[in-house]
PDB file of N, CA and C in Angstrom:
ATOM      1  N   MET A   1      21.206   5.171 -36.157  1.00  0.00           N
ATOM      2  CA  MET A   1      20.766   4.305 -35.376  1.00  0.00           C
ATOM      3  C   MET A   1      19.951   4.511 -33.837  1.00  0.00           C
ATOM      4  N   GLN A   2      18.826   4.928 -33.841  1.00  0.00           N
ATOM      5  CA  GLN A   2      18.157   5.230 -32.671  1.00  0.00           C
ATOM      6  C   GLN A   2      18.351   4.111 -31.413  1.00  0.00           C
ATOM      7  N   GLN A   3      18.688   4.879 -30.176  1.00  0.00           N
ATOM      8  CA  GLN A   3      18.562   3.926 -28.950  1.00  0.00           C
ATOM      9  C   GLN A   3      17.095   4.317 -28.331  1.00  0.00           C
ATOM     10  N   GLN A   4      16.534   2.933 -27.871  1.00  0.00           N
ATOM     11  CA  GLN A   4      15.281   3.024 -27.284  1.00  0.00           C
ATOM     12  C   GLN A   4      15.294   3.504 -25.730  1.00  0.00           C
ATOM     13  N   ARG A   5      14.671   4.904 -25.218  1.00  0.00           N
ATOM     14  CA  ARG A   5      14.741   5.384 -24.008  1.00  0.00           C
ATOM     15  C   ARG A   5      14.153   4.276 -22.862  1.00  0.00           C
ATOM     16  N   GLN A   6      14.660   4.261 -22.021  1.00  0.00           N
ATOM     17  CA  GLN A   6      14.451   3.288 -20.878  1.00  0.00           C
ATOM     18  C   GLN A   6      13.434   3.937 -20.113  1.00  0.00           C
ATOM     19  N   LYS A   7      12.241   3.184 -20.043  1.00  0.00           N
ATOM     20  CA  LYS A   7      10.968   3.857 -19.166  1.00  0.00           C
ATOM     21  C   LYS A   7      11.230   4.357 -17.614  1.00  0.00           C
ATOM     22  N   LYS A   8      11.265   5.161 -17.312  1.00  0.00           N
ATOM     23  CA  LYS A   8      11.332   5.263 -15.910  1.00  0.00           C
ATOM     24  C   LYS A   8      10.550   4.483 -15.272  1.00  0.00           C
ATOM     25  N   ILE A   9      10.519   3.865 -13.869  1.00  0.00           N
ATOM     26  CA  ILE A   9       9.666   3.129 -13.236  1.00  0.00           C
ATOM     27  C   ILE A   9       9.500   3.608 -11.693  1.00  0.00           C
ATOM     28  N   PRO A  10       8.358   4.378 -11.408  1.00  0.00           N
ATOM     29  CA  PRO A  10       8.368   4.971 -10.230  1.00  0.00           C
ATOM     30  C   PRO A  10       8.795   4.180  -8.954  1.00  0.00           C
ATOM     31  N   VAL A  11       9.415   4.866  -8.167  1.00  0.00           N
ATOM     32  CA  VAL A  11       9.603   3.625  -6.620  1.00  0.00           C
ATOM     33  C   VAL A  11       9.163   4.639  -5.644  1.00  0.00           C
ATOM     34  N   ARG A  12       8.565   3.982  -4.660  1.00  0.00           N
ATOM     35  CA  ARG A  12       7.979   4.384  -3.610  1.00  0.00           C
ATOM     36  C   ARG A  12       8.613   3.488  -2.214  1.00  0.00           C
ATOM     37  N   ARG A  13       8.415   4.403  -1.397  1.00  0.00           N
ATOM     38  CA  ARG A  13       8.763   3.672   0.241  1.00  0.00           C
ATOM     39  C   ARG A  13       7.767   2.997   0.888  1.00  0.00           C
ATOM     40  N   CYS A  14       8.141   1.807   1.214  1.00  0.00           N
ATOM     41  CA  CYS A  14       6.871   1.190   2.500  1.00  0.00           C
ATOM     42  C   CYS A  14       7.435   1.814   3.624  1.00  0.00           C
ATOM     43  N   VAL A  15       6.314   2.478   4.440  1.00  0.00           N
ATOM     44  CA  VAL A  15       5.926   2.827   5.620  1.00  0.00           C
ATOM     45  C   VAL A  15       6.402   1.678   6.720  1.00  0.00           C
ATOM     46  N   GLY A  16       6.169   0.351   6.325  1.00  0.00           N
ATOM     47  CA  GLY A  16       6.271  -0.397   7.050  1.00  0.00           C
ATOM     48  C   GLY A  16       7.747  -1.008   7.393  1.00  0.00           C
ATOM     49  N   CYS A  17       8.219  -1.750   6.473  1.00  0.00           N
ATOM     50  CA  CYS A  17       9.629  -2.198   6.260  1.00  0.00           C
ATOM     51  C   CYS A  17      10.503  -0.917   5.832  1.00  0.00           C
ATOM     52  N   ASN A  18       9.945   0.153   5.254  1.00  0.00           N
ATOM     53  CA  ASN A  18      10.861   0.912   4.600  1.00  0.00           C
ATOM     54  C   ASN A  18      12.064   0.488   3.825  1.00  0.00           C
ATOM     55  N   ALA A  19      11.491  -0.257   2.855  1.00  0.00           N
ATOM     56  CA  ALA A  19      12.403  -0.544   1.902  1.00  0.00           C
ATOM     57  C   ALA A  19      11.490   0.190   0.746  1.00  0.00           C
ATOM     58  N   GLN A  20      12.663   0.281  -0.068  1.00  0.00           N
ATOM     59  CA  GLN A  20      12.138   1.195  -1.594  1.00  0.00           C
ATOM     60  C   GLN A  20      11.788  -0.011  -2.641  1.00  0.00           C
ATOM     61  N   ARG A  21      10.940   0.078  -3.044  1.00  0.00           N
ATOM     62  CA  ARG A  21      10.290  -0.931  -4.155  1.00  0.00           C
ATOM     63  C   ARG A  21       9.500  -0.431  -5.420  1.00  0.00           C
ATOM     64  N   PRO A  22       9.343  -0.859  -6.653  1.00  0.00           N
ATOM     65  CA  PRO A  22       8.665  -0.374  -7.633  1.00  0.00           C
ATOM     66  C   PRO A  22       6.803  -0.130  -7.091  1.00  0.00           C
ATOM     67  N   LYS A  23       6.414   1.206  -7.687  1.00  0.00           N
ATOM     68  CA  LYS A  23       5.158   1.454  -7.291  1.00  0.00           C
ATOM     69  C   LYS A  23       4.215   0.367  -7.341  1.00  0.00           C
ATOM     70  N   ARG A  24       4.375  -0.309  -8.217  1.00  0.00           N
ATOM     71  CA  ARG A  24       3.349  -1.455  -8.765  1.00  0.00           C
ATOM     72  C   ARG A  24       3.245  -2.824  -7.861  1.00  0.00           C
ATOM     73  N   GLU A  25       4.612  -2.939  -6.964  1.00  0.00           N
ATOM     74  CA  GLU A  25       4.626  -3.878  -6.153  1.00  0.00           C
ATOM     75  C   GLU A  25       4.035  -3.575  -4.788  1.00  0.00           C
ATOM     76  N   LEU A  26       3.937  -2.389  -4.194  1.00  0.00           N
ATOM     77  CA  LEU A  26       3.307  -1.921  -3.053  1.00  0.00           C
ATOM     78  C   LEU A  26       1.829  -1.459  -3.244  1.00  0.00           C
ATOM     79  N   VAL A  27       0.713  -1.544  -2.006  1.00  0.00           N
ATOM     80  CA  VAL A  27      -0.403  -1.393  -1.925  1.00  0.00           C
ATOM     81  C   VAL A  27      -0.607   0.331  -1.378  1.00  0.00           C
ATOM     82  N   ARG A  28      -1.299   0.415  -1.699  1.00  0.00           N
ATOM     83  CA  ARG A  28      -1.450   2.438  -1.336  1.00  0.00           C
ATOM     84  C   ARG A  28      -2.584   1.813  -0.562  1.00  0.00           C
ATOM     85  N   ILE A  29      -2.637   3.049   0.703  1.00  0.00           N
ATOM     86  CA  ILE A  29      -3.373   3.381   1.558  1.00  0.00           C
ATOM     87  C   ILE A  29      -3.832   4.363   1.455  1.00  0.00           C
ATOM     88  N   VAL A  30      -5.097   5.269   1.409  1.00  0.00           N
ATOM     89  CA  VAL A  30      -5.568   6.588   0.709  1.00  0.00           C
ATOM     90  C   VAL A  30      -6.657   6.967   2.307  1.00  0.00           C
ATOM     91  N   ARG A  31      -6.258   8.140   2.432  1.00  0.00           N
ATOM     92  CA  ARG A  31      -7.469   8.888   3.335  1.00  0.00           C
ATOM     93  C   ARG A  31      -7.912   9.831   2.582  1.00  0.00           C
ATOM     94  N   SER A  32      -9.476   9.555   2.589  1.00  0.00           N
ATOM     95  CA  SER A  32      -9.954  10.266   1.563  1.00  0.00           C
ATOM     96  C   SER A  32     -10.177  11.642   2.128  1.00  0.00           C
ATOM     97  N   PRO A  33     -10.912  12.638   1.159  1.00  0.00           N
ATOM     98  CA  PRO A  33     -10.867  13.834   1.851  1.00  0.00           C
ATOM     99  C   PRO A  33     -12.110  13.892   2.592  1.00  0.00           C
ATOM    100  N   GLN A  34     -13.073  12.955   2.955  1.00  0.00           N
ATOM    101  CA  GLN A  34     -14.045  12.903   3.879  1.00  0.00           C
ATOM    102  C   GLN A  34     -13.625  12.184   5.228  1.00  0.00           C
ATOM    103  N   GLY A  35     -11.819  11.665   5.320  1.00  0.00           N
ATOM    104  CA  GLY A  35     -11.441  11.080   6.368  1.00  0.00           C
ATOM    105  C   GLY A  35     -11.838   9.748   6.415  1.00  0.00           C
ATOM    106  N   ARG A  36     -12.064   9.118   5.305  1.00  0.00           N
ATOM    107  CA  ARG A  36     -11.894   7.444   5.287  1.00  0.00           C
ATOM    108  C   ARG A  36     -10.922   6.603   4.994  1.00  0.00           C
ATOM    109  N   ILE A  37     -10.486   5.938   5.885  1.00  0.00           N
ATOM    110  CA  ILE A  37      -9.527   5.013   4.975  1.00  0.00           C
ATOM    111  C   ILE A  37      -9.643   3.835   4.455  1.00  0.00           C
ATOM    112  N   ASP A  38      -9.209   3.502   3.276  1.00  0.00           N
ATOM    113  CA  ASP A  38      -9.341   2.586   2.725  1.00  0.00           C
ATOM    114  C   ASP A  38      -7.981   1.786   2.002  1.00  0.00           C
ATOM    115  N   LEU A  39      -8.192   0.638   1.326  1.00  0.00           N
ATOM    116  CA  LEU A  39      -6.892   0.163   0.577  1.00  0.00           C
ATOM    117  C   LEU A  39      -7.226   0.481  -0.833  1.00  0.00           C
ATOM    118  N   ASP A  40      -5.965   1.294  -1.521  1.00  0.00           N
ATOM    119  CA  ASP A  40      -6.390   1.497  -2.865  1.00  0.00           C
ATOM    120  C   ASP A  40      -5.536   0.650  -3.886  1.00  0.00           C
ATOM    121  N   LEU A  41      -6.348  -0.426  -4.287  1.00  0.00           N
ATOM    122  CA  LEU A  41      -5.387  -1.258  -5.215  1.00  0.00           C
ATOM    123  C   LEU A  41      -5.327  -0.739  -6.553  1.00  0.00           C
ATOM    124  N   THR A  42      -5.820   0.629  -6.981  1.00  0.00           N
ATOM    125  CA  THR A  42      -5.545   1.375  -8.303  1.00  0.00           C
ATOM    126  C   THR A  42      -4.286   2.381  -8.120  1.00  0.00           C
ATOM    127  N   GLY A  43      -4.262   2.679  -7.199  1.00  0.00           N
ATOM    128  CA  GLY A  43      -3.414   3.726  -6.772  1.00  0.00           C
ATOM    129  C   GLY A  43      -3.803   5.034  -7.564  1.00  0.00           C
ATOM    130  N   LYS A  44      -5.243   5.362  -7.776  1.00  0.00           N
ATOM    131  CA  LYS A  44      -5.703   6.337  -8.519  1.00  0.00           C
ATOM    132  C   LYS A  44      -6.940   7.149  -7.572  1.00  0.00           C
ATOM    133  N   GLN A  45      -6.988   6.789  -6.610  1.00  0.00           N
ATOM    134  CA  GLN A  45      -8.424   7.238  -5.830  1.00  0.00           C
ATOM    135  C   GLN A  45      -7.455   8.617  -5.094  1.00  0.00           C
ATOM    136  N   SER A  46      -8.264   9.559  -5.068  1.00  0.00           N
ATOM    137  CA  SER A  46      -8.103  11.062  -4.514  1.00  0.00           C
ATOM    138  C   SER A  46      -7.720  10.895  -3.240  1.00  0.00           C
ATOM    139  N   GLY A  47      -7.028  11.510  -2.510  1.00  0.00           N
ATOM    140  CA  GLY A  47      -6.816  11.779  -1.235  1.00  0.00           C
ATOM    141  C   GLY A  47      -5.183  11.473  -0.683  1.00  0.00           C
ATOM    142  N   ARG A  48      -4.809  11.612   0.213  1.00  0.00           N
ATOM    143  CA  ARG A  48      -3.441  11.588   1.154  1.00  0.00           C
ATOM    144  C   ARG A  48      -3.232  10.226   0.563  1.00  0.00           C
ATOM    145  N   GLY A  49      -1.999   9.602   0.684  1.00  0.00           N
ATOM    146  CA  GLY A  49      -1.500   8.464   0.404  1.00  0.00           C
ATOM    147  C   GLY A  49      -0.674   7.992   1.279  1.00  0.00           C
ATOM    148  N   ALA A  50      -0.239   6.568   1.653  1.00  0.00           N
ATOM    149  CA  ALA A  50       0.708   5.887   2.180  1.00  0.00           C
ATOM    150  C   ALA A  50       1.221   4.609   1.278  1.00  0.00           C
ATOM    151  N   TYR A  51       2.183   4.270   0.960  1.00  0.00           N
ATOM    152  CA  TYR A  51       2.232   2.981   0.427  1.00  0.00           C
ATOM    153  C   TYR A  51       2.985   2.124   1.051  1.00  0.00           C
ATOM    154  N   LEU A  52       2.746   0.813   1.362  1.00  0.00           N
ATOM    155  CA  LEU A  52       2.992  -0.494   2.450  1.00  0.00           C
ATOM    156  C   LEU A  52       3.134  -1.799   1.184  1.00  0.00           C
ATOM    157  N   CYS A  53       3.842  -2.556   1.627  1.00  0.00           N
ATOM    158  CA  CYS A  53       3.957  -3.946   1.093  1.00  0.00           C
ATOM    159  C   CYS A  53       2.803  -4.741   0.950  1.00  0.00           C
ATOM    160  N   PRO A  54       2.578  -5.900   0.332  1.00  0.00           N
ATOM    161  CA  PRO A  54       1.234  -6.375   0.631  1.00  0.00           C
ATOM    162  C   PRO A  54       1.191  -7.654   1.592  1.00  0.00           C
ATOM    163  N   SER A  55       1.866  -7.309   2.697  1.00  0.00           N
ATOM    164  CA  SER A  55       1.850  -8.407   3.742  1.00  0.00           C
ATOM    165  C   SER A  55       1.592  -7.767   5.425  1.00  0.00           C
ATOM    166  N   ALA A  56       1.072  -8.832   5.886  1.00  0.00           N
ATOM    167  CA  ALA A  56       0.506  -8.560   7.336  1.00  0.00           C
ATOM    168  C   ALA A  56       1.938  -7.941   8.162  1.00  0.00           C
ATOM    169  N   ALA A  57       2.877  -8.394   7.416  1.00  0.00           N
ATOM    170  CA  ALA A  57       4.164  -8.088   8.706  1.00  0.00           C
ATOM    171  C   ALA A  57       4.466  -6.812   8.588  1.00  0.00           C
ATOM    172  N   CYS A  58       4.372  -6.440   7.292  1.00  0.00           N
ATOM    173  CA  CYS A  58       4.763  -4.493   7.364  1.00  0.00           C
ATOM    174  C   CYS A  58       3.865  -3.755   7.879  1.00  0.00           C
ATOM    175  N   LEU A  59       2.020  -4.480   7.747  1.00  0.00           N
ATOM    176  CA  LEU A  59       1.198  -3.517   8.070  1.00  0.00           C
ATOM    177  C   LEU A  59       1.032  -3.516   9.685  1.00  0.00           C
ATOM    178  N   ALA A  60       1.758  -4.860  10.440  1.00  0.00           N
ATOM    179  CA  ALA A  60       2.207  -4.452  11.762  1.00  0.00           C
ATOM    180  C   ALA A  60       3.342  -3.921  12.330  1.00  0.00           C
ATOM    181  N   LYS A  61       4.148  -3.652  11.422  1.00  0.00           N
ATOM    182  CA  LYS A  61       5.262  -3.035  11.841  1.00  0.00           C
ATOM    183  C   LYS A  61       5.348  -1.548  11.862  1.00  0.00           C
ATOM    184  N   ALA A  62       4.313  -1.118  10.707  1.00  0.00           N
ATOM    185  CA  ALA A  62       3.615   0.454  10.645  1.00  0.00           C
ATOM    186  C   ALA A  62       3.046   0.678  11.778  1.00  0.00           C
ATOM    187  N   ARG A  63       1.952  -0.186  12.029  1.00  0.00           N
ATOM    188  CA  ARG A  63       1.126  -0.311  13.296  1.00  0.00           C
ATOM    189  C   ARG A  63       1.908   0.166  14.589  1.00  0.00           C
ATOM    190  N   LYS A  64       2.737  -0.534  14.610  1.00  0.00           N
ATOM    191  CA  LYS A  64       3.327  -0.859  15.866  1.00  0.00           C
ATOM    192  C   LYS A  64       4.054   0.727  16.432  1.00  0.00           C
ATOM    193  N   ALA A  65       4.902   1.177  15.302  1.00  0.00           N
ATOM    194  CA  ALA A  65       5.928   2.413  15.215  1.00  0.00           C
ATOM    195  C   ALA A  65       4.752   3.299  14.676  1.00  0.00           C
ATOM    196  N   LYS A  66       3.763   3.371  14.692  1.00  0.00           N
ATOM    197  CA  LYS A  66       2.613   4.366  14.178  1.00  0.00           C
ATOM    198  C   LYS A  66       2.573   5.233  13.090  1.00  0.00           C
ATOM    199  N   ARG A  67       3.308   4.605  12.099  1.00  0.00           N
ATOM    200  CA  ARG A  67       3.879   5.242  10.758  1.00  0.00           C
ATOM    201  C   ARG A  67       2.847   5.473   9.946  1.00  0.00           C
ATOM    202  N   LEU A  68       1.935   4.646   9.876  1.00  0.00           N
ATOM    203  CA  LEU A  68       0.777   4.732   9.297  1.00  0.00           C
ATOM    204  C   LEU A  68      -0.070   6.035   9.316  1.00  0.00           C
ATOM    205  N   GLU A  69      -0.044   6.275  10.959  1.00  0.00           N
ATOM    206  CA  GLU A  69      -0.647   7.540  11.306  1.00  0.00           C
ATOM    207  C   GLU A  69      -0.049   8.550  10.920  1.00  0.00           C
ATOM    208  N   ARG A  70       1.372   8.845  10.983  1.00  0.00           N
ATOM    209  CA  ARG A  70       1.749   9.660  10.655  1.00  0.00           C
ATOM    210  C   ARG A  70       1.695  10.371   9.358  1.00  0.00           C
ATOM    211  N   ALA A  71       1.915   9.053   8.630  1.00  0.00           N
ATOM    212  CA  ALA A  71       2.064   9.384   6.546  1.00  0.00           C
ATOM    213  C   ALA A  71       0.478   9.993   6.493  1.00  0.00           C
ATOM    214  N   LEU A  72      -0.623   9.319   7.091  1.00  0.00           N
ATOM    215  CA  LEU A  72      -1.943  10.199   6.804  1.00  0.00           C
ATOM    216  C   LEU A  72      -2.348  11.065   7.531  1.00  0.00           C
ATOM    217  N   GLU A  73      -1.572  11.242   8.572  1.00  0.00           N
ATOM    218  CA  GLU A  73      -2.027  12.556   9.467  1.00  0.00           C
ATOM    219  C   GLU A  73      -3.381  12.690  10.060  1.00  0.00           C
ATOM    220  N   LEU A  74      -3.363  11.211  10.535  1.00  0.00           N
ATOM    221  CA  LEU A  74      -4.971  11.121  11.232  1.00  0.00           C
ATOM    222  C   LEU A  74      -4.970   9.992  12.307  1.00  0.00           C
ATOM    223  N   PRO A  75      -5.424   9.901  13.674  1.00  0.00           N
ATOM    224  CA  PRO A  75      -5.145   8.944  14.340  1.00  0.00           C
ATOM    225  C   PRO A  75      -6.269   7.498  13.839  1.00  0.00           C
ATOM    226  N   ILE A  76      -5.691   6.363  13.559  1.00  0.00           N
ATOM    227  CA  ILE A  76      -6.403   5.191  13.062  1.00  0.00           C
ATOM    228  C   ILE A  76      -6.900   4.134  13.944  1.00  0.00           C
ATOM    229  N   PRO A  77      -7.892   3.919  14.077  1.00  0.00           N
ATOM    230  CA  PRO A  77      -8.635   3.318  15.270  1.00  0.00           C
ATOM    231  C   PRO A  77      -8.226   1.713  14.944  1.00  0.00           C
ATOM    232  N   ASP A  78      -8.830   0.642  15.997  1.00  0.00           N
ATOM    233  CA  ASP A  78      -8.210  -0.638  15.669  1.00  0.00           C
ATOM    234  C   ASP A  78      -9.145  -1.283  14.982  1.00  0.00           C
ATOM    235  N   GLU A  79     -10.635  -0.870  14.603  1.00  0.00           N
ATOM    236  CA  GLU A  79     -11.076  -1.433  13.567  1.00  0.00           C
ATOM    237  C   GLU A  79     -10.635  -1.212  12.093  1.00  0.00           C
ATOM    238  N   VAL A  80     -10.124  -0.110  11.909  1.00  0.00           N
ATOM    239  CA  VAL A  80      -9.698   0.210  10.615  1.00  0.00           C
ATOM    240  C   VAL A  80      -8.327  -0.324  10.347  1.00  0.00           C
ATOM    241  N   TYR A  81      -7.784  -1.066  11.156  1.00  0.00           N
ATOM    242  CA  TYR A  81      -6.191  -1.758  11.325  1.00  0.00           C
ATOM    243  C   TYR A  81      -6.764  -3.147  10.977  1.00  0.00           C
ATOM    244  N   ALA A  82      -7.915  -3.447  11.571  1.00  0.00           N
ATOM    245  CA  ALA A  82      -8.692  -4.840  11.108  1.00  0.00           C
ATOM    246  C   ALA A  82      -8.782  -5.059   9.652  1.00  0.00           C
ATOM    247  N   ARG A  83      -9.841  -3.841   9.486  1.00  0.00           N
ATOM    248  CA  ARG A  83     -10.159  -4.002   8.169  1.00  0.00           C
ATOM    249  C   ARG A  83      -9.236  -3.991   6.944  1.00  0.00           C
ATOM    250  N   LEU A  84      -8.150  -3.261   7.365  1.00  0.00           N
ATOM    251  CA  LEU A  84      -6.810  -2.910   6.292  1.00  0.00           C
ATOM    252  C   LEU A  84      -6.386  -4.550   6.180  1.00  0.00           C
ATOM    253  N   GLU A  85      -6.224  -5.306   7.360  1.00  0.00           N
ATOM    254  CA  GLU A  85      -5.426  -6.775   7.429  1.00  0.00           C
ATOM    255  C   GLU A  85      -6.383  -7.775   6.411  1.00  0.00           C
ATOM    256  N   GLU A  86      -7.850  -7.799   6.801  1.00  0.00           N
ATOM    257  CA  GLU A  86      -8.723  -8.393   5.741  1.00  0.00           C
ATOM    258  C   GLU A  86      -8.382  -8.298   4.437  1.00  0.00           C
ATOM    259  N   GLN A  87      -8.201  -6.959   3.850  1.00  0.00           N
ATOM    260  CA  GLN A  87      -8.365  -6.658   2.958  1.00  0.00           C
ATOM    261  C   GLN A  87      -6.978  -6.712   1.935  1.00  0.00           C
ATOM    262  N   ILE A  88      -5.635  -6.837   2.952  1.00  0.00           N
ATOM    263  CA  ILE A  88      -4.513  -6.952   2.585  1.00  0.00           C
ATOM    264  C   ILE A  88      -4.242  -8.199   2.058  1.00  0.00           C
ATOM    265  N   ALA A  89      -4.753  -9.384   3.130  1.00  0.00           N
ATOM    266  CA  ALA A  89      -4.741 -11.110   3.048  1.00  0.00           C
ATOM    267  C   ALA A  89      -5.553 -11.083   1.729  1.00  0.00           C
ATOM    268  N   ALA A  90      -6.979 -10.534   1.754  1.00  0.00           N
ATOM    269  CA  ALA A  90      -7.620 -10.903   0.203  1.00  0.00           C
ATOM    270  C   ALA A  90      -6.846 -10.453  -0.788  1.00  0.00           C
ATOM    271  N   ALA A  91      -6.297  -9.152  -1.084  1.00  0.00           N
ATOM    272  CA  ALA A  91      -5.448  -9.057  -2.028  1.00  0.00           C
ATOM    273  C   ALA A  91      -4.756  -9.936  -2.531  1.00  0.00           C
ATOM    274  N   GLN A  92      -3.685 -10.357  -1.534  1.00  0.00           N
ATOM    275  CA  GLN A  92      -2.608 -11.137  -1.533  1.00  0.00           C
ATOM    276  C   GLN A  92      -2.820 -12.224  -2.069  1.00  0.00           C
ATOM    277  N   ALA A  93      -4.263 -13.317  -1.478  1.00  0.00           N
ATOM    278  CA  ALA A  93      -4.797 -14.461  -2.121  1.00  0.00           C
ATOM    279  C   ALA A  93      -4.889 -14.138  -3.830  1.00  0.00           C
ATOM    280  N   GLU A  94      -5.560 -13.053  -3.931  1.00  0.00           N
ATOM    281  CA  GLU A  94      -5.990 -12.875  -5.165  1.00  0.00           C
ATOM    282  C   GLU A  94      -5.141 -12.881  -6.147  1.00  0.00           C
ATOM    283  N   LYS A  95      -4.206 -11.965  -5.741  1.00  0.00           N
ATOM    284  CA  LYS A  95      -2.835 -12.012  -6.650  1.00  0.00           C
ATOM    285  C   LYS A  95      -2.178 -13.707  -7.013  1.00  0.00           C
ATOM    286  N   GLU A  96      -1.949 -14.075  -5.687  1.00  0.00           N
ATOM    287  CA  GLU A  96      -1.260 -15.607  -5.585  1.00  0.00           C
ATOM    288  C   GLU A  96      -2.190 -16.171  -7.017  1.00  0.00           C
ATOM    289  N   ALA A  97      -3.382 -16.291  -6.831  1.00  0.00           N
ATOM    290  CA  ALA A  97      -4.567 -16.958  -7.727  1.00  0.00           C
ATOM    291  C   ALA A  97      -4.321 -16.490  -9.085  1.00  0.00           C
ATOM    292  N   ALA A  98      -3.889 -15.275  -9.307  1.00  0.00           N
ATOM    293  CA  ALA A  98      -3.980 -14.766 -10.851  1.00  0.00           C
ATOM    294  C   ALA A  98      -2.501 -15.537 -11.192  1.00  0.00           C
ATOM    295  N   GLU A  99      -1.441 -15.345 -10.338  1.00  0.00           N
ATOM    296  CA  GLU A  99      -0.424 -16.043 -10.992  1.00  0.00           C
ATOM    297  C   GLU A  99      -0.285 -17.248 -11.085  1.00  0.00           C
ATOM    298  N   ASP A 100      -0.831 -18.089 -10.293  1.00  0.00           N
ATOM    299  CA  ASP A 100      -0.995 -19.743 -10.119  1.00  0.00           C
ATOM    300  C   ASP A 100      -1.860 -20.008 -12.037  1.00  0.00           C
ATOM    301  N   ALA A 101      -2.728 -18.996 -11.881  1.00  0.00           N
ATOM    302  CA  ALA A 101      -3.554 -19.317 -13.429  1.00  0.00           C
ATOM    303  C   ALA A 101      -2.814 -19.005 -14.482  1.00  0.00           C
ATOM    304  N   GLN A 102      -1.679 -18.370 -14.557  1.00  0.00           N
ATOM    305  CA  GLN A 102      -0.879 -18.243 -15.508  1.00  0.00           C
ATOM    306  C   GLN A 102      -0.053 -18.998 -15.827  1.00  0.00           C
TER     307      GLN A 102
END
């Protein structure tokens, strides 16, 4: 009788609320080698990344404490935060629509 090995689930820490969660539950924010900051829904873009819960509250906490700037090693302008808020809201709405369809 062979026991099945349990697959290891990667865990990351949210820079906003500091909670540890499975990697798939978090959203990756990436600073590309060119210095552009974007939301990485696939988790595979090249560059320095930081993980965040897909909620506006966690983004607000990370912004207030400048944790995202520290993690990405780059000062982040207000326009980028506004764009990230829009992208997170859109991703969250898309995820909820997919869950409702099932």
